[in-house]
C-alpha atoms as a PDB file:
ATOM      1  CA  MET A   1      12.708-144.784-113.926  1.00  0.00           C
ATOM      2  CA  ARG A   2      14.949-146.662-111.455  1.00  0.00           C
ATOM      3  CA  LYS A   3      16.936-149.382-112.550  1.00  0.00           C
ATOM      4  CA  LEU A   4      16.326-152.545-110.405  1.00  0.00           C
ATOM      5  CA  THR A   5      19.597-154.531-109.430  1.00  0.00           C
ATOM      6  CA  PHE A   6      18.234-157.902-109.773  1.00  0.00           C
ATOM      7  CA  PRO A   7      19.808-161.230-110.736  1.00  0.00           C
ATOM      8  CA  SER A   8      18.201-162.383-114.005  1.00  0.00           C
ATOM      9  CA  ALA A   9      16.009-160.965-116.604  1.00  0.00           C
ATOM     10  CA  LEU A  10      13.934-164.065-116.629  1.00  0.00           C
ATOM     11  CA  LEU A  11      13.197-163.492-113.200  1.00  0.00           C
ATOM     12  CA  LEU A  12      11.732-159.847-113.492  1.00  0.00           C
ATOM     13  CA  GLY A  13      10.116-161.375-116.815  1.00  0.00           C
ATOM     14  CA  SER A  14       8.253-163.747-114.345  1.00  0.00           C
ATOM     15  CA  ILE A  15       7.925-160.642-111.567  1.00  0.00           C
ATOM     16  CA  ALA A  16       6.048-158.769-114.075  1.00  0.00           C
ATOM     17  CA  LEU A  17       3.612-161.964-115.096  1.00  0.00           C
ATOM     18  CA  GLN A  18       3.193-162.815-110.881  1.00  0.00           C
ATOM     19  CA  GLY A  19       2.583-158.734-109.803  1.00  0.00           C
ATOM     20  CA  CYS A  20      -0.252-158.664-112.788  1.00  0.00           C
ATOM     21  CA  ALA A  21      -1.957-161.803-111.247  1.00  0.00           C
ATOM     22  CA  GLN A  22      -3.275-160.660-108.223  1.00  0.00           C
ATOM     23  CA  GLN A  23      -4.086-163.685-106.565  1.00  0.00           C
ATOM     24  CA  ALA A  24      -5.950-163.910-103.197  1.00  0.00           C
ATOM     25  CA  THR A  25      -2.934-165.125-101.406  1.00  0.00           C
ATOM     26  CA  LEU A  26      -1.016-164.314 -98.676  1.00  0.00           C
ATOM     27  CA  ASP A  27       2.336-163.726 -99.623  1.00  0.00           C
ATOM     28  CA  ILE A  28       5.542-163.467 -97.130  1.00  0.00           C
ATOM     29  CA  TYR A  29       8.879-162.191 -97.949  1.00  0.00           C
ATOM     30  CA  TRP A  30      12.161-162.651 -96.988  1.00  0.00           C
ATOM     31  CA  ILE A  31      13.927-160.175 -98.561  1.00  0.00           C
ATOM     32  CA  ASP A  32      17.867-160.352 -98.661  1.00  0.00           C
ATOM     33  CA  VAL A  33      19.261-157.263 -97.001  1.00  0.00           C
ATOM     34  CA  GLU A  34      22.423-159.179 -95.730  1.00  0.00           C
ATOM     35  CA  GLY A  35      21.848-159.813 -92.042  1.00  0.00           C
ATOM     36  CA  GLY A  36      18.772-157.033 -91.692  1.00  0.00           C
ATOM     37  CA  ALA A  37      15.762-159.363 -91.739  1.00  0.00           C
ATOM     38  CA  ALA A  38      13.692-157.125 -93.760  1.00  0.00           C
ATOM     39  CA  THR A  39      10.359-158.713 -94.357  1.00  0.00           C
ATOM     40  CA  LEU A  40       7.571-158.193 -96.168  1.00  0.00           C
ATOM     41  CA  ILE A  41       3.725-159.505 -96.295  1.00  0.00           C
ATOM     42  CA  VAL A  42       1.178-158.925 -98.728  1.00  0.00           C
ATOM     43  CA  THR A  43      -2.503-159.712 -97.666  1.00  0.00           C
ATOM     44  CA  PRO A  44      -5.244-161.121-100.039  1.00  0.00           C
ATOM     45  CA  ALA A  45      -6.520-157.050-100.155  1.00  0.00           C
ATOM     46  CA  ARG A  46      -3.593-156.388-101.218  1.00  0.00           C
ATOM     47  CA  GLU A  47      -2.365-154.164 -98.230  1.00  0.00           C
ATOM     48  CA  SER A  48       1.314-154.403 -97.140  1.00  0.00           C
ATOM     49  CA  VAL A  49       3.155-154.667 -93.873  1.00  0.00           C
ATOM     50  CA  LEU A  50       7.198-154.264 -94.214  1.00  0.00           C
ATOM     51  CA  MET A  51       9.339-154.886 -90.642  1.00  0.00           C
ATOM     52  CA  ASP A  52      12.729-153.298 -91.154  1.00  0.00           C
ATOM     53  CA  ALA A  53      14.671-151.961 -94.282  1.00  0.00           C
ATOM     54  CA  GLY A  54      17.914-152.981 -94.339  1.00  0.00           C
ATOM     55  CA  TRP A  55      21.363-150.631 -94.141  1.00  0.00           C
ATOM     56  CA  ASP A  56      21.850-147.219 -94.894  1.00  0.00           C
ATOM     57  CA  ARG A  57      23.682-147.426 -98.197  1.00  0.00           C
ATOM     58  CA  GLU A  58      25.193-144.757-100.593  1.00  0.00           C
ATOM     59  CA  ASP A  59      23.398-147.083-104.013  1.00  0.00           C
ATOM     60  CA  GLU A  60      20.302-148.257-102.187  1.00  0.00           C
ATOM     61  CA  ARG A  61      20.895-151.774-102.461  1.00  0.00           C
ATOM     62  CA  ASP A  62      18.217-152.825 -99.882  1.00  0.00           C
ATOM     63  CA  ALA A  63      15.632-150.160-100.970  1.00  0.00           C
ATOM     64  CA  GLN A  64      15.961-151.978-104.927  1.00  0.00           C
ATOM     65  CA  ARG A  65      15.517-155.644-103.621  1.00  0.00           C
ATOM     66  CA  ILE A  66      12.345-154.640-101.644  1.00  0.00           C
ATOM     67  CA  GLU A  67      11.291-152.794-104.691  1.00  0.00           C
ATOM     68  CA  ALA A  68      11.441-156.139-106.379  1.00  0.00           C
ATOM     69  CA  ALA A  69       9.501-158.139-104.122  1.00  0.00           C
ATOM     70  CA  MET A  70       7.045-155.405-104.328  1.00  0.00           C
ATOM     71  CA  ILE A  71       6.896-155.375-108.092  1.00  0.00           C
ATOM     72  CA  ASP A  72       6.411-159.356-107.763  1.00  0.00           C
ATOM     73  CA  ALA A  73       3.880-158.908-105.091  1.00  0.00           C
ATOM     74  CA  GLY A  74       1.749-155.914-107.270  1.00  0.00           C
ATOM     75  CA  ILE A  75       1.919-153.103-104.533  1.00  0.00           C
ATOM     76  CA  THR A  76       3.020-149.513-105.104  1.00  0.00           C
ATOM     77  CA  GLU A  77       3.156-148.664-101.516  1.00  0.00           C
ATOM     78  CA  ILE A  78       3.682-149.535 -98.682  1.00  0.00           C
ATOM     79  CA  ASP A  79       0.617-149.388 -95.582  1.00  0.00           C
ATOM     80  CA  TYR A  80       2.646-149.864 -92.456  1.00  0.00           C
ATOM     81  CA  PHE A  81       6.230-149.828 -91.668  1.00  0.00           C
ATOM     82  CA  ILE A  82       7.546-151.503 -88.422  1.00  0.00           C
ATOM     83  CA  ALA A  83      10.502-150.928 -86.875  1.00  0.00           C
ATOM     84  CA  SER A  84      11.246-153.504 -85.323  1.00  0.00           C
ATOM     85  CA  HIS A  85      13.924-151.817 -83.171  1.00  0.00           C
ATOM     86  CA  PHE A  86      16.696-149.301 -83.654  1.00  0.00           C
ATOM     87  CA  HIS A  87      19.750-150.533 -84.903  1.00  0.00           C
ATOM     88  CA  GLY A  88      21.512-149.881 -88.586  1.00  0.00           C
ATOM     89  CA  ASP A  89      20.653-152.892 -90.331  1.00  0.00           C
ATOM     90  CA  HIS A  90      16.708-152.798 -89.293  1.00  0.00           C
ATOM     91  CA  VAL A  91      16.120-149.134 -90.449  1.00  0.00           C
ATOM     92  CA  GLY A  92      18.880-147.421 -91.304  1.00  0.00           C
ATOM     93  CA  GLY A  93      17.820-147.998 -94.890  1.00  0.00           C
ATOM     94  CA  VAL A  94      14.482-145.896 -93.788  1.00  0.00           C
ATOM     95  CA  PRO A  95      15.072-142.672 -95.824  1.00  0.00           C
ATOM     96  CA  ALA A  96      15.910-144.737 -99.113  1.00  0.00           C
ATOM     97  CA  ILE A  97      12.197-146.384 -98.631  1.00  0.00           C
ATOM     98  CA  ALA A  98      10.404-143.068 -97.654  1.00  0.00           C
ATOM     99  CA  ALA A  99      11.898-141.251-100.508  1.00  0.00           C
ATOM    100  CA  ARG A 100      10.616-143.687-102.771  1.00  0.00           C
ATOM    101  CA  TRP A 101       7.034-144.625-101.576  1.00  0.00           C
ATOM    102  CA  SER A 102       3.607-143.608 -99.798  1.00  0.00           C
ATOM    103  CA  ILE A 103       4.069-145.546 -96.435  1.00  0.00           C
ATOM    104  CA  GLY A 104       0.724-144.815 -94.424  1.00  0.00           C
ATOM    105  CA  GLN A 105       2.205-145.616 -90.653  1.00  0.00           C
ATOM    106  CA  TYR A 106       5.324-146.112 -89.070  1.00  0.00           C
ATOM    107  CA  ILE A 107       4.848-148.694 -85.841  1.00  0.00           C
ATOM    108  CA  ASP A 108       7.680-148.911 -82.936  1.00  0.00           C
ATOM    109  CA  HIS A 109       8.349-149.872 -79.879  1.00  0.00           C
ATOM    110  CA  GLY A 110       8.745-146.608 -78.367  1.00  0.00           C
ATOM    111  CA  ASP A 111      11.476-144.282 -78.344  1.00  0.00           C
ATOM    112  CA  SER A 112      15.210-145.781 -79.091  1.00  0.00           C
ATOM    113  CA  VAL A 113      17.065-146.460 -76.243  1.00  0.00           C
ATOM    114  CA  GLU A 114      20.194-145.330 -77.797  1.00  0.00           C
ATOM    115  CA  ARG A 115      19.111-142.366 -78.981  1.00  0.00           C
ATOM    116  CA  GLU A 116      22.005-140.750 -77.034  1.00  0.00           C
ATOM    117  CA  GLN A 117      24.946-142.926 -78.372  1.00  0.00           C
ATOM    118  CA  GLY A 118      26.434-142.084 -81.238  1.00  0.00           C
ATOM    119  CA  GLN A 119      25.352-143.644 -84.342  1.00  0.00           C
ATOM    120  CA  GLY A 120      21.935-144.500 -82.434  1.00  0.00           C
ATOM    121  CA  ARG A 121      21.818-140.980 -82.077  1.00  0.00           C
ATOM    122  CA  VAL A 122      21.625-140.834 -86.271  1.00  0.00           C
ATOM    123  CA  LEU A 123      19.422-143.357 -86.999  1.00  0.00           C
ATOM    124  CA  TRP A 124      16.668-142.268 -84.748  1.00  0.00           C
ATOM    125  CA  GLU A 125      16.990-138.652 -85.702  1.00  0.00           C
ATOM    126  CA  THR A 126      16.574-140.282 -89.177  1.00  0.00           C
ATOM    127  CA  TYR A 127      13.685-142.416 -88.288  1.00  0.00           C
ATOM    128  CA  SER A 128      11.717-139.295 -86.554  1.00  0.00           C
ATOM    129  CA  SER A 129      12.208-137.384 -89.498  1.00  0.00           C
ATOM    130  CA  ALA A 130      10.820-140.182 -91.482  1.00  0.00           C
ATOM    131  CA  SER A 131       8.043-141.241 -89.342  1.00  0.00           C
ATOM    132  CA  ASP A 132       7.175-137.702 -88.349  1.00  0.00           C
ATOM    133  CA  GLY A 133       3.084-137.142 -88.124  1.00  0.00           C
ATOM    134  CA  LYS A 134       2.849-140.914 -88.977  1.00  0.00           C
ATOM    135  CA  ARG A 135       4.425-142.752 -85.951  1.00  0.00           C
ATOM    136  CA  ARG A 136       2.285-144.966 -83.737  1.00  0.00           C
ATOM    137  CA  THR A 137       4.071-146.370 -80.670  1.00  0.00           C
ATOM    138  CA  ILE A 138       2.392-149.854 -79.902  1.00  0.00           C
ATOM    139  CA  VAL A 139       2.472-152.349 -76.779  1.00  0.00           C
ATOM    140  CA  PRO A 140       1.578-156.147 -76.553  1.00  0.00           C
ATOM    141  CA  GLY A 141      -1.931-156.736 -77.758  1.00  0.00           C
ATOM    142  CA  ASP A 142      -2.236-154.049 -80.081  1.00  0.00           C
ATOM    143  CA  ALA A 143      -3.499-155.209 -83.463  1.00  0.00           C
ATOM    144  CA  LEU A 144      -3.290-154.147 -87.234  1.00  0.00           C
ATOM    145  CA  SER A 145      -6.772-153.484 -88.816  1.00  0.00           C
ATOM    146  CA  LEU A 146      -6.240-155.971 -92.037  1.00  0.00           C
ATOM    147  CA  ASP A 147      -8.824-157.263 -93.748  1.00  0.00           C
ATOM    148  CA  GLY A 148      -9.574-161.092 -93.558  1.00  0.00           C
ATOM    149  CA  LEU A 149      -6.465-162.013 -91.490  1.00  0.00           C
ATOM    150  CA  GLU A 150      -5.740-161.489 -87.701  1.00  0.00           C
ATOM    151  CA  PHE A 151      -1.705-159.518 -86.561  1.00  0.00           C
ATOM    152  CA  THR A 152      -0.970-159.121 -83.124  1.00  0.00           C
ATOM    153  CA  PHE A 153       2.074-157.795 -81.711  1.00  0.00           C
ATOM    154  CA  VAL A 154       2.640-159.847 -78.884  1.00  0.00           C
ATOM    155  CA  ALA A 155       6.318-158.315 -77.450  1.00  0.00           C
ATOM    156  CA  ALA A 156       7.669-154.848 -77.713  1.00  0.00           C
ATOM    157  CA  ASN A 157       9.588-152.517 -75.294  1.00  0.00           C
ATOM    158  CA  ARG A 158      10.574-155.610 -73.077  1.00  0.00           C
ATOM    159  CA  GLU A 159       7.154-156.153 -72.703  1.00  0.00           C
ATOM    160  CA  ILE A 160       4.791-159.111 -73.515  1.00  0.00           C
ATOM    161  CA  LEU A 161       1.341-160.067 -73.980  1.00  0.00           C
ATOM    162  CA  SER A 162      -0.303-160.167 -70.663  1.00  0.00           C
ATOM    163  CA  SER A 163      -2.647-163.368 -72.153  1.00  0.00           C
ATOM    164  CA  THR A 164      -2.103-166.303 -73.852  1.00  0.00           C
ATOM    165  CA  PHE A 165      -2.934-167.649 -77.610  1.00  0.00           C
ATOM    166  CA  GLY A 166      -1.940-171.228 -76.217  1.00  0.00           C
ATOM    167  CA  SER A 167      -4.314-173.815 -73.739  1.00  0.00           C
ATOM    168  CA  GLY A 168      -2.297-172.219 -70.483  1.00  0.00           C
ATOM    169  CA  ALA A 169      -1.090-175.244 -69.445  1.00  0.00           C
ATOM    170  CA  LEU A 170       2.128-175.229 -68.033  1.00  0.00           C
ATOM    171  CA  ASN A 171       5.467-175.322 -70.342  1.00  0.00           C
ATOM    172  CA  PRO A 172       7.290-178.557 -69.868  1.00  0.00           C
ATOM    173  CA  ASN A 173      10.168-177.490 -71.769  1.00  0.00           C
ATOM    174  CA  CYS A 174      10.564-174.720 -69.264  1.00  0.00           C
ATOM    175  CA  GLU A 175      12.654-177.249 -66.974  1.00  0.00           C
ATOM    176  CA  ASN A 176      16.288-176.196 -65.935  1.00  0.00           C
ATOM    177  CA  ALA A 177      15.945-173.749 -69.280  1.00  0.00           C
ATOM    178  CA  PHE A 178      18.759-170.818 -69.901  1.00  0.00           C
ATOM    179  CA  GLU A 179      17.177-167.672 -68.806  1.00  0.00           C
ATOM    180  CA  GLY A 180      18.588-165.265 -70.538  1.00  0.00           C
ATOM    181  CA  SER A 181      20.898-162.292 -69.166  1.00  0.00           C
ATOM    182  CA  ASP A 182      20.664-159.566 -72.371  1.00  0.00           C
ATOM    183  CA  VAL A 183      18.257-156.887 -70.933  1.00  0.00           C
ATOM    184  CA  SER A 184      20.046-153.825 -72.241  1.00  0.00           C
ATOM    185  CA  GLY A 185      20.045-152.155 -75.617  1.00  0.00           C
ATOM    186  CA  GLU A 186      17.593-152.284 -78.378  1.00  0.00           C
ATOM    187  CA  ASN A 187      17.937-156.184 -79.390  1.00  0.00           C
ATOM    188  CA  SER A 188      15.749-157.332 -75.879  1.00  0.00           C
ATOM    189  CA  ARG A 189      13.189-154.123 -76.924  1.00  0.00           C
ATOM    190  CA  SER A 190      12.100-155.718 -80.513  1.00  0.00           C
ATOM    191  CA  VAL A 191       8.333-155.814 -81.683  1.00  0.00           C
ATOM    192  CA  GLY A 192       7.286-159.223 -82.598  1.00  0.00           C
ATOM    193  CA  TYR A 193       4.139-160.505 -83.909  1.00  0.00           C
ATOM    194  CA  LEU A 194       2.021-163.123 -84.536  1.00  0.00           C
ATOM    195  CA  LEU A 195      -0.220-162.983 -88.130  1.00  0.00           C
ATOM    196  CA  SER A 196      -2.786-165.744 -88.168  1.00  0.00           C
ATOM    197  CA  LEU A 197      -4.828-166.501 -91.972  1.00  0.00           C
ATOM    198  CA  GLY A 198      -7.511-169.294 -91.106  1.00  0.00           C
ATOM    199  CA  GLU A 199      -5.505-172.037 -88.889  1.00  0.00           C
ATOM    200  CA  PHE A 200      -2.163-170.703 -90.705  1.00  0.00           C
ATOM    201  CA  GLN A 201       0.102-168.770 -88.005  1.00  0.00           C
ATOM    202  CA  PHE A 202       3.217-167.007 -88.735  1.00  0.00           C
ATOM    203  CA  LEU A 203       5.595-165.820 -85.946  1.00  0.00           C
ATOM    204  CA  ASN A 204       7.951-162.986 -86.149  1.00  0.00           C
ATOM    205  CA  LEU A 205      10.175-161.621 -83.323  1.00  0.00           C
ATOM    206  CA  GLY A 206      12.774-159.381 -84.503  1.00  0.00           C
ATOM    207  CA  ASP A 207      16.061-159.694 -82.669  1.00  0.00           C
ATOM    208  CA  LEU A 208      14.191-160.582 -79.476  1.00  0.00           C
ATOM    209  CA  THR A 209      16.922-161.836 -77.211  1.00  0.00           C
ATOM    210  CA  VAL A 210      16.610-164.798 -75.068  1.00  0.00           C
ATOM    211  CA  ASN A 211      15.029-163.576 -71.539  1.00  0.00           C
ATOM    212  CA  VAL A 212      12.026-162.096 -73.446  1.00  0.00           C
ATOM    213  CA  GLN A 213      11.439-165.174 -75.539  1.00  0.00           C
ATOM    214  CA  HIS A 214      11.676-167.454 -72.396  1.00  0.00           C
ATOM    215  CA  ALA A 215       9.113-164.416 -70.339  1.00  0.00           C
ATOM    216  CA  LEU A 216       6.835-165.532 -73.227  1.00  0.00           C
ATOM    217  CA  ALA A 217       7.461-169.257 -72.994  1.00  0.00           C
ATOM    218  CA  CYS A 218       7.782-169.674 -69.143  1.00  0.00           C
ATOM    219  CA  PRO A 219       6.097-170.794 -67.171  1.00  0.00           C
ATOM    220  CA  GLN A 220       3.051-170.758 -69.880  1.00  0.00           C
ATOM    221  CA  ASN A 221       3.501-170.625 -74.008  1.00  0.00           C
ATOM    222  CA  LEU A 222       1.993-167.711 -74.666  1.00  0.00           C
ATOM    223  CA  LEU A 223       1.648-168.285 -78.330  1.00  0.00           C
ATOM    224  CA  GLY A 224       0.420-171.653 -78.734  1.00  0.00           C
ATOM    225  CA  VAL A 225       1.813-173.539 -81.699  1.00  0.00           C
ATOM    226  CA  VAL A 226       2.696-171.849 -84.945  1.00  0.00           C
ATOM    227  CA  ASP A 227       3.106-173.538 -88.304  1.00  0.00           C
ATOM    228  CA  LEU A 228       5.657-170.892 -89.982  1.00  0.00           C
ATOM    229  CA  PHE A 229       8.421-169.295 -88.002  1.00  0.00           C
ATOM    230  CA  GLN A 230      10.927-166.819 -88.507  1.00  0.00           C
ATOM    231  CA  VAL A 231      14.072-167.693 -86.021  1.00  0.00           C
ATOM    232  CA  PRO A 232      15.038-164.659 -84.059  1.00  0.00           C
ATOM    233  CA  HIS A 233      18.135-162.163 -84.759  1.00  0.00           C
ATOM    234  CA  HIS A 234      19.446-163.442 -87.778  1.00  0.00           C
ATOM    235  CA  GLY A 235      19.394-166.937 -86.285  1.00  0.00           C
ATOM    236  CA  ASN A 236      21.329-166.517 -83.373  1.00  0.00           C
ATOM    237  CA  GLY A 237      19.940-166.624 -80.006  1.00  0.00           C
ATOM    238  CA  VAL A 238      16.910-169.165 -79.819  1.00  0.00           C
ATOM    239  CA  ALA A 239      15.392-170.047 -76.664  1.00  0.00           C
ATOM    240  CA  THR A 240      14.695-173.696 -77.254  1.00  0.00           C
ATOM    241  CA  GLN A 241      11.917-173.437 -74.596  1.00  0.00           C
ATOM    242  CA  LEU A 242      10.284-171.585 -76.689  1.00  0.00           C
ATOM    243  CA  THR A 243      10.704-173.090 -79.645  1.00  0.00           C
ATOM    244  CA  TRP A 244      10.015-176.422 -79.158  1.00  0.00           C
ATOM    245  CA  ALA A 245       6.562-175.146 -77.417  1.00  0.00           C
ATOM    246  CA  LEU A 246       5.722-173.232 -80.667  1.00  0.00           C
ATOM    247  CA  ALA A 247       6.958-176.238 -82.818  1.00  0.00           C
ATOM    248  CA  PRO A 248       6.912-175.213 -85.836  1.00  0.00           C
ATOM    249  CA  THR A 249       6.841-176.988 -89.261  1.00  0.00           C
ATOM    250  CA  VAL A 250       9.126-174.661 -90.841  1.00  0.00           C
ATOM    251  CA  ALA A 251      11.175-172.365 -90.031  1.00  0.00           C
ATOM    252  CA  VAL A 252      13.296-169.174 -91.862  1.00  0.00           C
ATOM    253  CA  SER A 253      16.445-168.001 -91.144  1.00  0.00           C
ATOM    254  CA  ASN A 254      16.648-164.337 -92.990  1.00  0.00           C
ATOM    255  CA  ASN A 255      20.659-163.957 -91.783  1.00  0.00           C
ATOM    256  CA  GLY A 256      23.315-162.831 -93.912  1.00  0.00           C
ATOM    257  CA  PRO A 257      26.664-164.515 -95.217  1.00  0.00           C
ATOM    258  CA  HIS A 258      28.493-163.542 -92.233  1.00  0.00           C
ATOM    259  CA  LYS A 259      25.694-162.137 -89.971  1.00  0.00           C
ATOM    260  CA  GLY A 260      23.543-164.608 -87.902  1.00  0.00           C
ATOM    261  CA  GLY A 261      22.993-168.236 -88.893  1.00  0.00           C
ATOM    262  CA  SER A 262      25.645-169.386 -85.968  1.00  0.00           C
ATOM    263  CA  ALA A 263      26.141-173.208 -85.522  1.00  0.00           C
ATOM    264  CA  GLU A 264      24.370-172.654 -82.324  1.00  0.00           C
ATOM    265  CA  GLY A 265      21.284-171.136 -83.416  1.00  0.00           C
ATOM    266  CA  TYR A 266      21.453-173.929 -86.690  1.00  0.00           C
ATOM    267  CA  GLU A 267      21.269-176.861 -84.042  1.00  0.00           C
ATOM    268  CA  ALA A 268      18.602-175.007 -81.727  1.00  0.00           C
ATOM    269  CA  ILE A 269      16.500-174.655 -84.354  1.00  0.00           C
ATOM    270  CA  SER A 270      16.914-178.271 -86.454  1.00  0.00           C
ATOM    271  CA  SER A 271      16.334-179.956 -83.106  1.00  0.00           C
ATOM    272  CA  ILE A 272      12.968-179.355 -82.758  1.00  0.00           C
ATOM    273  CA  PRO A 273      10.638-182.298 -82.502  1.00  0.00           C
ATOM    274  CA  GLY A 274       8.929-182.657 -85.858  1.00  0.00           C
ATOM    275  CA  ILE A 275      10.503-179.930 -87.713  1.00  0.00           C
ATOM    276  CA  SER A 276      10.444-180.404 -91.291  1.00  0.00           C
ATOM    277  CA  ALA A 277      12.306-177.904 -92.747  1.00  0.00           C
ATOM    278  CA  ILE A 278      14.540-175.180 -92.090  1.00  0.00           C
ATOM    279  CA  TRP A 279      14.922-172.561 -95.672  1.00  0.00           C
ATOM    280  CA  GLN A 280      17.611-169.514 -94.888  1.00  0.00           C
ATOM    281  CA  VAL A 281      18.133-166.213 -96.877  1.00  0.00           C
ATOM    282  CA  HIS A 282      21.817-166.740 -96.956  1.00  0.00           C
ATOM    283  CA  ARG A 283      24.261-169.593 -96.848  1.00  0.00           C
ATOM    284  CA  ALA A 284      26.012-169.220 -93.583  1.00  0.00           C
ATOM    285  CA  LEU A 285      29.727-168.629 -94.765  1.00  0.00           C
ATOM    286  CA  ASP A 286      31.492-168.911 -90.929  1.00  0.00           C
ATOM    287  CA  THR A 287      30.168-172.190 -90.614  1.00  0.00           C
ATOM    288  CA  ASP A 288      30.063-175.965 -91.705  1.00  0.00           C
ATOM    289  CA  ASP A 289      27.758-177.889 -94.206  1.00  0.00           C
ATOM    290  CA  GLU A 290      26.309-179.660 -90.867  1.00  0.00           C
ATOM    291  CA  HIS A 291      25.622-176.434 -89.764  1.00  0.00           C
ATOM    292  CA  ASN A 292      23.307-175.177 -93.225  1.00  0.00           C
ATOM    293  CA  THR A 293      20.678-176.331 -94.794  1.00  0.00           C
ATOM    294  CA  THR A 294      20.379-177.288 -98.256  1.00  0.00           C
ATOM    295  CA  ALA A 295      21.347-175.761-101.503  1.00  0.00           C
ATOM    296  CA  GLY A 296      17.947-176.196-102.859  1.00  0.00           C
ATOM    297  CA  MET A 297      16.434-174.425 -99.756  1.00  0.00           C
ATOM    298  CA  THR A 298      19.291-171.371 -99.313  1.00  0.00           C
ATOM    299  CA  ALA A 299      18.179-168.546-101.731  1.00  0.00           C
ATOM    300  CA  ASN A 300      21.933-167.001-101.617  1.00  0.00           C
ATOM    301  CA  LEU A 301      25.096-168.923-101.594  1.00  0.00           C
ATOM    302  CA  THR A 302      27.931-166.486-101.568  1.00  0.00           C
ATOM    303  CA  GLU A 303      28.453-163.175-100.316  1.00  0.00           C
ATOM    304  CA  GLU A 304      28.591-161.335-104.025  1.00  0.00           C
ATOM    305  CA  ASP A 305      26.864-158.160-103.332  1.00  0.00           C
ATOM    306  CA  ASP A 306      24.638-158.173-106.784  1.00  0.00           C
ATOM    307  CA  ALA A 307      22.776-161.972-105.644  1.00  0.00           C
ATOM    308  CA  GLY A 308      19.529-160.606-103.662  1.00  0.00           C
ATOM    309  CA  PHE A 309      17.246-163.481-103.835  1.00  0.00           C
ATOM    310  CA  TRP A 310      14.913-163.596-101.755  1.00  0.00           C
ATOM    311  CA  ILE A 311      12.578-166.465-100.289  1.00  0.00           C
ATOM    312  CA  LYS A 312       8.806-166.503-100.248  1.00  0.00           C
ATOM    313  CA  ALA A 313       5.718-168.298 -98.668  1.00  0.00           C
ATOM    314  CA  THR A 314       2.654-168.264-100.904  1.00  0.00           C
ATOM    315  CA  VAL A 315      -0.858-168.984 -98.387  1.00  0.00           C
ATOM    316  CA  SER A 316      -3.592-170.245 -99.967  1.00  0.00           C
ATOM    317  CA  ALA A 317      -6.504-167.825 -99.238  1.00  0.00           C
ATOM    318  CA  ASP A 318      -8.362-170.167 -96.835  1.00  0.00           C
ATOM    319  CA  GLY A 319      -4.828-170.706 -94.792  1.00  0.00           C
ATOM    320  CA  GLY A 320      -5.182-174.395 -95.640  1.00  0.00           C
ATOM    321  CA  SER A 321      -1.276-174.733 -97.307  1.00  0.00           C
ATOM    322  CA  TYR A 322       1.442-172.911 -98.088  1.00  0.00           C
ATOM    323  CA  THR A 323       4.109-173.226-100.461  1.00  0.00           C
ATOM    324  CA  ILE A 324       7.492-172.039-100.002  1.00  0.00           C
ATOM    325  CA  VAL A 325       9.877-171.238-103.016  1.00  0.00           C
ATOM    326  CA  ASN A 326      13.983-170.098-103.254  1.00  0.00           C
ATOM    327  CA  ALA A 327      13.748-167.211-106.251  1.00  0.00           C
ATOM    328  CA  ARG A 328      17.430-168.358-107.152  1.00  0.00           C
ATOM    329  CA  ASN A 329      16.602-171.743-108.754  1.00  0.00           C
ATOM    330  CA  ASP A 330      12.613-171.654-107.805  1.00  0.00           C
ATOM    331  CA  TYR A 331      13.236-174.912-105.832  1.00  0.00           C
ATOM    332  CA  SER A 332       9.758-175.226-104.174  1.00  0.00           C
ATOM    333  CA  GLU A 333       7.713-177.405-101.255  1.00  0.00           C
ATOM    334  CA  THR A 334       4.424-176.985 -99.804  1.00  0.00           C
ATOM    335  CA  TYR A 335       3.642-177.654 -96.446  1.00  0.00           C
ATOM    336  CA  ASN A 336      -0.309-178.228 -94.750  1.00  0.00           C
ATOM    337  CA  THR A 337      -1.042-176.275 -92.368  1.00  0.00           C
ATOM    338  CA  ARG A 338      -1.751-178.048 -88.545  1.00  0.00           C
END
C-alpha cells in the first residue's frame, strides 16, 4: 500500500468518511501541485475528469496529492484526463498518474507545438507513450458525455467556439480593451471548458493567453455568465473584457507560492463588478496583503513542501447552490447559483 503524504491524520480520517458517503453532488477539487493547476471534477454519478497532473518529481508528490482528493471523493480511477497544454507543470506528472490508475481517455488540443524543443520533446514523448491508444484530440464545440451535466470545450489549439452560450449582444467591455499579443507556444493553445449542472456554470480556461480570452469576449461574449471561475494562468494574464462579461460570483486561483498570483491578476479579478469571493490555493508570497485574499480563503499559507491542502467546491445535485471549503481550516462559504 502506498503511503499518502498529507497534512494530518485527522483530515485523512474525514476523507475516508466523506468518500464512503457517496453524496449525489458535483465536486470540484483544486489540488495543490505548486502552481500546476490540477483540477479534479467528480460528477454526481461519480464519473471523474482530471485536468492536468502537476510536475515530474521523483517523490511523486503531486500524484499523491491527487490520490488524496480521489479518496475524499470516493473514486478509484480517472475516466478522462485532459492535458490543458504541454508544459512541465501541467503534464510532467502524467507518467506517475498513469502508473497508479486506470485512465479511460486522454484529451488534448493536438500535438505539442514545442515537441521539437529540449524539455518540450521529453514531455511530448512521455505523454504520447502514456496516452497511446486512448488519445482524443478535441476542437471547440466538442463535449464529454457525462451523466446529468453538460461539459463543453470552448477553446483549444488557439481556436474558439463558433457559436455562443450568451445572448449574442455586443460586449461593451471590449472598447479600448487590450487584445494581447502572445500567439506562440503552448499557453495560447490551452484547452478550456464550460461545465453546467442545472443553472450552475463553472469555467476553466487553463493557461489561456489574453489574446484568446479576448477572442472569446469580443465583439461578443461567447460564454455568457458563470457562477464559478478558475482564474487563467495561475492568476496571471487576465482579460478584463472577458471576466467583466462573465460576471462570476466566485473566482478560484490555483496558484503556487511563487508561481502565478500576480498583483495585476488579483486586481483584475477583484475589480469584477459583483464578485463575492476570491479563493486561492496558495498565498502569493511575492506580493503583499492587498493582493492576496484572506487567510481563511487561502489553502496554503507557506511554501513548505509537506502542506498540500486543497480547495473544494460541492455543488448541490440540482445545481442551485454550492459550498466552497478550505481543507486547511475547514472554513467554508455557501453561494446561491444565479
